Amino acid sequence: MVKMMLGVIDATTYMEPLQNLAAHRSVAAVPFAGRYRLIDFVLSNMVNSGIESVAIFPKYQYRSLMDHLGSGKNWDLNRKRDGLFFFPSPDLPLPSSQIGAFQHFEQHIDYFLRSKQKYALICNSYTVCNIDYRLVLEQHIASQCDITEVRYQGRSLEMFVLETSLLLDLIANRVQTGYNSIGDVVHNPFHSLNVCHYEHDGYVAVIDSVESYFHHSLQLLQPDVWKQLFIQSRPIYTKVKDEPPTQYTADAVVKNSMIANGCVIEGHVENCIVFRGVKIGKGAVVKNSVIMQKTQIGERCELEHVIIDKDAKVENDVKITGAEHRPFIIRKGTVQGVLMSQ
């Protein structure tokens, strides 16, 4: 049944509250959970649900996203038929918060016209969860719905299932109807369509601000959250990087932390998410923080409630204290050498 469905990931969203992490990358490419990008979760959910044709529609700063996805090999989407498609639309007008913009789809209408799948699944790129879309489609068909919206605790997750033919009609008639996106249709009380809701009961994290990113990142250190997100029968795939195991020296102390491979830990790490290739120097104490890939933290540093973006460097003896509700951010590729607190 799922081979009747194509996947569409809308990666055009611009989020001002997330710009400290998305200044040099699209929101879909923001690193998360030690070794993944945000888009890995929705893309893996589609693949695990048997979807073999996935179109990604980006707009802003998508070079890192293209580099991460490549040919789609890591998701088994490098196929002769169907597979992974990348449809940038830099000519779109001002930023929109609506998922599933018909104007964007119209620029690449041939993809939808050529698709043989009867149904389309349209999703955003920044909702982290582990969901089986086969169940959504089954309910959609059984309930004879025109559009099914996936929700969590009554909140829309901006995931929609509908027939491809209906999507094509909505795109073609957008000027007459005034509907500019799937969200416009679903949330308009005067439409004549049968809109149904599918309630997802697993873990969900909507990453729409630095604060939500930080909160949900540290939530992963809770075993019950981790088990709901990383399910053995429905794995989350990402770009493969061959790196050695993490090295822990005799002076290293690690408590309740997630440490990716390729790191060198010589200091004290507690309640942290540490990405690949990070080096933490002797005497350094890092607590309640997110340290992205290839960051170098010098000796005798004291860091708490910080987010360090990739390829950054913290010099020796630096002390930085952020807050749980307002983490201190060190931007990608920068050098931090000033004593400060927040």
Protein backbone atom coordinates (compact mmCIF):
# COMPACT_ATOMS: atom_id res chain seq x y z
CA MET A 1 0.00 0.00 0.00
CA VAL A 2 2.77 2.48 0.88
CA LYS A 3 4.21 2.20 -2.62
CA MET A 4 1.06 4.11 -3.55
CA MET A 5 2.46 7.14 -1.66
CA LEU A 6 5.17 9.65 -2.55
CA GLY A 7 6.95 11.75 0.05
CA VAL A 8 7.34 15.52 -0.08
CA ILE A 9 9.55 17.34 2.44
CA ASP A 10 9.05 21.10 2.59
CA ALA A 11 12.44 22.53 3.66
CA THR A 12 11.67 26.14 2.72
CA THR A 13 10.83 27.33 6.23
CA TYR A 14 12.62 30.38 7.60
CA MET A 15 12.63 30.62 11.40
CA GLU A 16 13.97 33.79 12.96
CA PRO A 17 14.11 32.25 16.50
CA LEU A 18 16.44 29.54 15.14
CA GLN A 19 18.74 31.76 13.13
CA ASN A 20 21.69 31.55 15.52
CA LEU A 21 21.91 27.90 14.44
CA ALA A 22 20.65 28.32 10.87
CA ALA A 23 22.63 31.34 9.69
CA HIS A 24 24.85 29.19 7.44
CA ARG A 25 22.53 26.23 6.83
CA SER A 26 18.87 25.48 6.25
CA VAL A 27 16.73 24.53 9.22
CA ALA A 28 16.51 21.00 7.79
CA ALA A 29 20.31 20.66 8.08
CA VAL A 30 20.63 21.72 11.74
CA PRO A 31 22.62 19.00 13.60
CA PHE A 32 20.70 17.08 16.27
CA ALA A 33 21.18 14.13 18.64
CA GLY A 34 24.92 13.71 18.29
CA ARG A 35 25.18 12.53 14.69
CA TYR A 36 22.00 13.43 12.81
CA ARG A 37 20.42 16.39 11.00
CA LEU A 38 16.80 17.38 11.58
CA ILE A 39 15.75 16.16 8.13
CA ASP A 40 17.04 12.65 8.91
CA PHE A 41 14.02 11.94 11.08
CA VAL A 42 11.23 12.68 8.61
CA LEU A 43 13.24 11.17 5.75
CA SER A 44 13.93 7.97 7.70
CA ASN A 45 10.26 7.76 8.72
CA MET A 46 9.29 7.88 5.05
CA VAL A 47 11.80 5.20 4.06
CA ASN A 48 10.81 2.97 6.98
CA SER A 49 7.20 3.34 5.86
CA GLY A 50 8.09 1.95 2.43
CA ILE A 51 8.07 5.23 0.51
CA GLU A 52 10.48 5.01 -2.43
CA SER A 53 10.03 8.44 -4.04
CA VAL A 54 10.90 11.50 -1.95
CA ALA A 55 11.07 15.10 -3.16
CA ILE A 56 12.82 17.74 -1.07
CA PHE A 57 11.96 21.40 -1.63
CA PRO A 58 14.56 23.74 -0.06
CA LYS A 59 15.04 27.49 -0.37
CA TYR A 60 17.64 28.94 2.02
CA GLN A 61 21.31 28.04 2.52
CA TYR A 62 20.84 24.52 1.20
CA ARG A 63 24.43 23.66 0.23
CA SER A 64 25.06 21.78 3.49
CA LEU A 65 21.73 20.00 3.06
CA MET A 66 22.71 18.82 -0.43
CA ASP A 67 26.10 17.68 0.87
CA HIS A 68 24.45 15.75 3.68
CA LEU A 69 21.86 14.00 1.51
CA GLY A 70 24.05 13.31 -1.51
CA SER A 71 22.47 10.76 -3.82
CA GLY A 72 20.26 9.41 -1.02
CA LYS A 73 22.37 6.24 -0.73
CA ASN A 74 22.31 6.23 3.07
CA TRP A 75 18.51 6.08 2.95
CA ASP A 76 18.42 3.52 0.10
CA LEU A 77 17.03 6.18 -2.23
CA ASN A 78 19.70 6.08 -4.96
CA ARG A 79 17.41 4.26 -7.37
CA LYS A 80 16.93 4.01 -11.11
CA ARG A 81 13.21 4.42 -10.59
CA ASP A 82 11.89 6.96 -8.12
CA GLY A 83 14.46 7.73 -5.38
CA LEU A 84 15.51 11.11 -3.95
CA PHE A 85 14.75 14.37 -5.78
CA PHE A 86 16.03 17.83 -4.87
CA PHE A 87 14.02 20.84 -6.10
CA PRO A 88 15.45 24.22 -4.97
CA SER A 89 13.27 27.28 -5.56
CA PRO A 90 15.34 30.39 -4.81
CA ASP A 91 12.91 32.55 -6.81
CA LEU A 92 10.08 32.18 -4.31
CA PRO A 93 8.93 35.48 -2.72
CA LEU A 94 9.25 36.50 0.91
CA PRO A 95 9.58 33.81 3.60
CA SER A 96 6.45 31.83 4.44
CA SER A 97 5.66 29.89 7.57
CA GLN A 98 3.14 27.73 5.72
CA ILE A 99 4.13 24.14 4.93
CA GLY A 100 3.31 22.85 1.47
CA ALA A 101 3.34 26.08 -0.52
CA PHE A 102 1.52 25.52 -3.81
CA GLN A 103 3.62 28.13 -5.61
CA HIS A 104 6.75 26.16 -4.77
CA PHE A 105 5.23 22.90 -5.98
CA GLU A 106 4.01 24.57 -9.15
CA GLN A 107 7.58 25.42 -10.14
CA HIS A 108 8.29 21.67 -10.26
CA ILE A 109 4.88 20.42 -11.30
CA ASP A 110 6.41 17.81 -13.64
CA TYR A 111 7.48 15.77 -10.62
CA PHE A 112 3.87 15.40 -9.50
CA LEU A 113 2.56 14.85 -13.02
CA ARG A 114 5.06 12.04 -13.67
CA SER A 115 4.50 10.34 -10.30
CA LYS A 116 2.51 7.13 -10.44
CA GLN A 117 1.73 7.10 -6.71
CA LYS A 118 -1.93 7.69 -5.91
CA TYR A 119 -1.25 9.49 -2.61
CA ALA A 120 1.12 12.22 -1.46
CA LEU A 121 2.56 12.77 2.01
CA ILE A 122 3.65 16.36 2.69
CA CYS A 123 5.78 17.07 5.78
CA ASN A 124 7.95 19.78 7.30
CA SER A 125 11.64 19.16 7.98
CA TYR A 126 11.96 20.14 11.65
CA THR A 127 9.62 17.78 13.55
CA VAL A 128 11.55 15.04 15.34
CA CYS A 129 9.60 11.84 15.92
CA ASN A 130 9.42 8.19 14.90
CA ILE A 131 6.14 7.56 13.11
CA ASP A 132 4.84 4.86 10.78
CA TYR A 133 3.12 6.64 7.91
CA ARG A 134 1.56 3.36 6.80
CA LEU A 135 -0.85 3.67 9.72
CA VAL A 136 -1.72 7.22 8.68
CA LEU A 137 -2.46 6.11 5.12
CA GLU A 138 -4.54 3.15 6.30
CA GLN A 139 -6.71 5.42 8.43
CA HIS A 140 -6.93 7.97 5.60
CA ILE A 141 -8.28 5.34 3.19
CA ALA A 142 -10.56 3.62 5.70
CA SER A 143 -12.13 6.94 6.74
CA GLN A 144 -12.54 8.08 3.12
CA CYS A 145 -10.85 11.37 3.92
CA ASP A 146 -9.82 14.03 1.41
CA ILE A 147 -6.93 15.20 3.61
CA THR A 148 -5.56 13.64 6.80
CA GLU A 149 -3.58 15.88 9.16
CA VAL A 150 -1.19 14.28 11.67
CA ARG A 151 -1.49 15.76 15.15
CA TYR A 152 0.14 15.35 18.53
CA GLN A 153 -1.87 16.23 21.64
CA GLY A 154 -4.21 18.24 19.43
CA ARG A 155 -1.41 20.24 17.79
CA SER A 156 -0.80 20.00 14.07
CA LEU A 157 2.54 18.41 13.15
CA GLU A 158 2.26 19.86 9.64
CA MET A 159 2.14 16.41 8.06
CA PHE A 160 -0.63 15.80 5.55
CA VAL A 161 -1.81 12.87 3.42
CA LEU A 162 -4.01 13.42 0.36
CA GLU A 163 -4.50 12.04 -3.13
CA THR A 164 -1.96 13.30 -5.65
CA SER A 165 -4.81 14.25 -7.98
CA LEU A 166 -6.34 16.47 -5.28
CA LEU A 167 -2.95 18.09 -4.69
CA LEU A 168 -2.66 18.84 -8.40
CA ASP A 169 -6.14 20.39 -8.38
CA LEU A 170 -5.29 22.57 -5.39
CA ILE A 171 -2.10 23.75 -7.08
CA ALA A 172 -3.87 24.49 -10.36
CA ASN A 173 -6.73 26.38 -8.70
CA ARG A 174 -4.80 28.24 -6.03
CA VAL A 175 -5.52 31.67 -7.55
CA GLN A 176 -9.27 31.06 -7.71
CA THR A 177 -9.55 29.45 -4.27
CA GLY A 178 -7.08 31.68 -2.47
CA TYR A 179 -5.41 28.64 -0.90
CA ASN A 180 -1.63 29.05 -0.98
CA SER A 181 -0.69 25.93 0.96
CA ILE A 182 -2.03 22.70 2.43
CA GLY A 183 -2.24 24.47 5.78
CA ASP A 184 -4.54 27.11 4.30
CA VAL A 185 -6.94 24.42 3.16
CA VAL A 186 -6.96 22.42 6.39
CA HIS A 187 -7.38 25.41 8.69
CA ASN A 188 -10.08 27.13 6.66
CA PRO A 189 -13.45 26.33 8.34
CA PHE A 190 -15.37 27.02 5.10
CA HIS A 191 -13.78 24.41 2.83
CA SER A 192 -15.91 21.58 1.49
CA LEU A 193 -13.31 18.84 1.90
CA ASN A 194 -13.42 15.99 4.39
CA VAL A 195 -10.41 16.72 6.62
CA CYS A 196 -9.53 14.04 9.18
CA HIS A 197 -6.99 13.93 12.00
CA TYR A 198 -4.52 11.19 12.91
CA GLU A 199 -3.27 11.39 16.50
CA HIS A 200 0.37 10.33 16.95
CA ASP A 201 1.03 9.01 20.46
CA GLY A 202 4.84 8.71 20.47
CA TYR A 203 7.54 11.21 21.34
CA VAL A 204 7.51 14.47 19.39
CA ALA A 205 9.93 17.42 19.36
CA VAL A 206 9.15 20.46 17.22
CA ILE A 207 12.42 22.37 16.74
CA ASP A 208 11.34 25.95 16.01
CA SER A 209 13.64 28.01 18.25
CA VAL A 210 17.03 27.84 19.95
CA GLU A 211 15.27 27.23 23.25
CA SER A 212 13.27 24.28 21.91
CA TYR A 213 16.41 22.90 20.24
CA PHE A 214 18.33 23.03 23.53
CA HIS A 215 15.47 21.63 25.61
CA HIS A 216 14.75 18.70 23.30
CA SER A 217 18.44 17.93 22.80
CA LEU A 218 19.00 17.43 26.54
CA GLN A 219 15.71 15.51 26.78
CA LEU A 220 17.40 12.77 24.74
CA LEU A 221 19.47 11.92 27.81
CA GLN A 222 16.29 10.52 29.38
CA PRO A 223 16.08 6.76 28.57
CA ASP A 224 12.30 6.81 28.03
CA VAL A 225 12.62 9.58 25.44
CA TRP A 226 15.54 7.88 23.66
CA LYS A 227 13.64 4.57 23.45
CA GLN A 228 10.61 6.26 21.85
CA LEU A 229 12.71 7.99 19.20
CA PHE A 230 15.34 5.39 18.33
CA ILE A 231 13.40 2.20 17.70
CA GLN A 232 15.30 -0.85 16.46
CA SER A 233 12.63 -1.86 13.94
CA ARG A 234 12.42 1.71 12.55
CA PRO A 235 16.00 3.08 12.64
CA ILE A 236 16.94 6.68 11.95
CA TYR A 237 19.44 6.84 9.08
CA THR A 238 22.04 9.51 8.46
CA LYS A 239 25.16 10.20 6.43
CA VAL A 240 27.78 7.57 7.22
CA LYS A 241 31.19 8.79 8.39
CA ASP A 242 33.94 6.32 9.20
CA GLU A 243 35.68 7.51 12.34
CA PRO A 244 37.49 5.73 15.18
CA PRO A 245 35.86 5.13 18.57
CA THR A 246 36.01 7.93 21.12
CA GLN A 247 39.16 8.00 23.25
CA TYR A 248 38.76 8.54 27.00
CA THR A 249 41.95 9.36 28.89
CA ALA A 250 42.68 8.35 32.48
CA ASP A 251 41.54 11.77 33.74
CA ALA A 252 38.23 11.77 31.85
CA VAL A 253 34.94 11.78 33.77
CA VAL A 254 31.70 11.27 31.83
CA LYS A 255 28.24 11.25 33.42
CA ASN A 256 24.84 10.89 31.76
CA SER A 257 26.04 12.08 28.36
CA MET A 258 25.74 11.04 24.73
CA ILE A 259 29.20 10.92 23.12
CA ALA A 260 29.52 10.31 19.37
CA ASN A 261 32.51 8.58 17.79
CA GLY A 262 35.84 10.18 16.90
CA CYS A 263 36.09 12.30 20.08
CA VAL A 264 38.94 12.75 22.55
CA ILE A 265 37.71 13.33 26.11
CA GLU A 266 40.27 14.43 28.69
CA GLY A 267 38.02 16.49 30.97
CA HIS A 268 34.73 16.25 32.88
CA VAL A 269 31.52 15.92 30.81
CA GLU A 270 28.10 15.77 32.46
CA ASN A 271 24.57 15.87 30.99
CA CYS A 272 25.83 16.75 27.51
CA ILE A 273 25.27 15.88 23.86
CA VAL A 274 28.68 15.65 22.20
CA PHE A 275 28.90 15.23 18.42
CA ARG A 276 31.57 13.53 16.31
CA GLY A 277 35.20 14.54 16.44
CA VAL A 278 35.02 16.81 19.50
CA LYS A 279 38.10 17.35 21.68
CA ILE A 280 37.69 18.33 25.34
CA GLY A 281 40.93 19.26 27.05
CA LYS A 282 42.42 18.39 30.44
CA GLY A 283 40.74 19.96 33.44
CA ALA A 284 37.79 21.21 31.39
CA VAL A 285 34.31 20.90 32.94
CA VAL A 286 31.39 20.85 30.52
CA LYS A 287 27.85 20.47 31.87
CA ASN A 288 24.31 20.64 30.43
CA SER A 289 25.54 21.58 26.97
CA VAL A 290 25.37 20.66 23.28
CA ILE A 291 28.77 20.44 21.59
CA MET A 292 28.64 20.02 17.82
CA GLN A 293 31.09 18.23 15.56
CA LYS A 294 34.83 18.96 15.46
CA THR A 295 34.66 21.53 18.24
CA GLN A 296 37.83 21.97 20.28
CA ILE A 297 37.51 22.90 23.96
CA GLY A 298 40.72 23.94 25.64
CA GLU A 299 42.14 23.01 29.02
CA ARG A 300 40.61 24.15 32.33
CA CYS A 301 37.48 25.57 30.67
CA GLU A 302 34.21 25.75 32.57
CA LEU A 303 31.13 25.62 30.34
CA GLU A 304 27.50 25.21 31.35
CA HIS A 305 24.26 25.68 29.39
CA VAL A 306 26.04 26.40 26.12
CA ILE A 307 25.54 25.37 22.51
CA ILE A 308 28.76 25.26 20.51
CA ASP A 309 28.25 25.00 16.76
CA LYS A 310 30.54 22.87 14.61
CA ASP A 311 34.22 23.69 13.94
CA ALA A 312 34.35 26.20 16.80
CA LYS A 313 37.24 26.55 19.22
CA VAL A 314 37.19 27.50 22.90
CA GLU A 315 40.62 28.56 24.15
CA ASN A 316 42.15 27.57 27.47
CA ASP A 317 40.73 28.86 30.78
CA VAL A 318 37.48 30.20 29.29
CA LYS A 319 34.43 30.25 31.57
CA ILE A 320 30.96 30.55 30.06
CA THR A 321 27.67 30.12 31.85
CA GLY A 322 24.38 30.40 30.02
CA ALA A 323 20.90 29.63 31.32
CA GLU A 324 18.59 26.67 30.84
CA HIS A 325 16.00 28.88 29.16
CA ARG A 326 18.61 30.92 27.30
CA PRO A 327 21.74 28.92 26.39
CA PHE A 328 24.90 30.75 25.38
CA ILE A 329 25.69 30.12 21.70
CA ILE A 330 29.15 29.97 20.13
CA ARG A 331 28.69 30.19 16.38
CA LYS A 332 30.08 27.89 13.75
CA GLY A 333 33.78 28.23 13.03
CA THR A 334 34.44 30.97 15.61
CA VAL A 335 37.07 31.18 18.34
CA GLN A 336 35.95 31.96 21.89
CA GLY A 337 38.66 33.37 24.08
CA VAL A 338 36.94 35.91 26.35
CA LEU A 339 35.78 35.19 29.89
CA MET A 340 32.06 35.83 30.11
CA SER A 341 28.79 34.71 31.61
CA GLN A 342 25.13 35.12 30.74
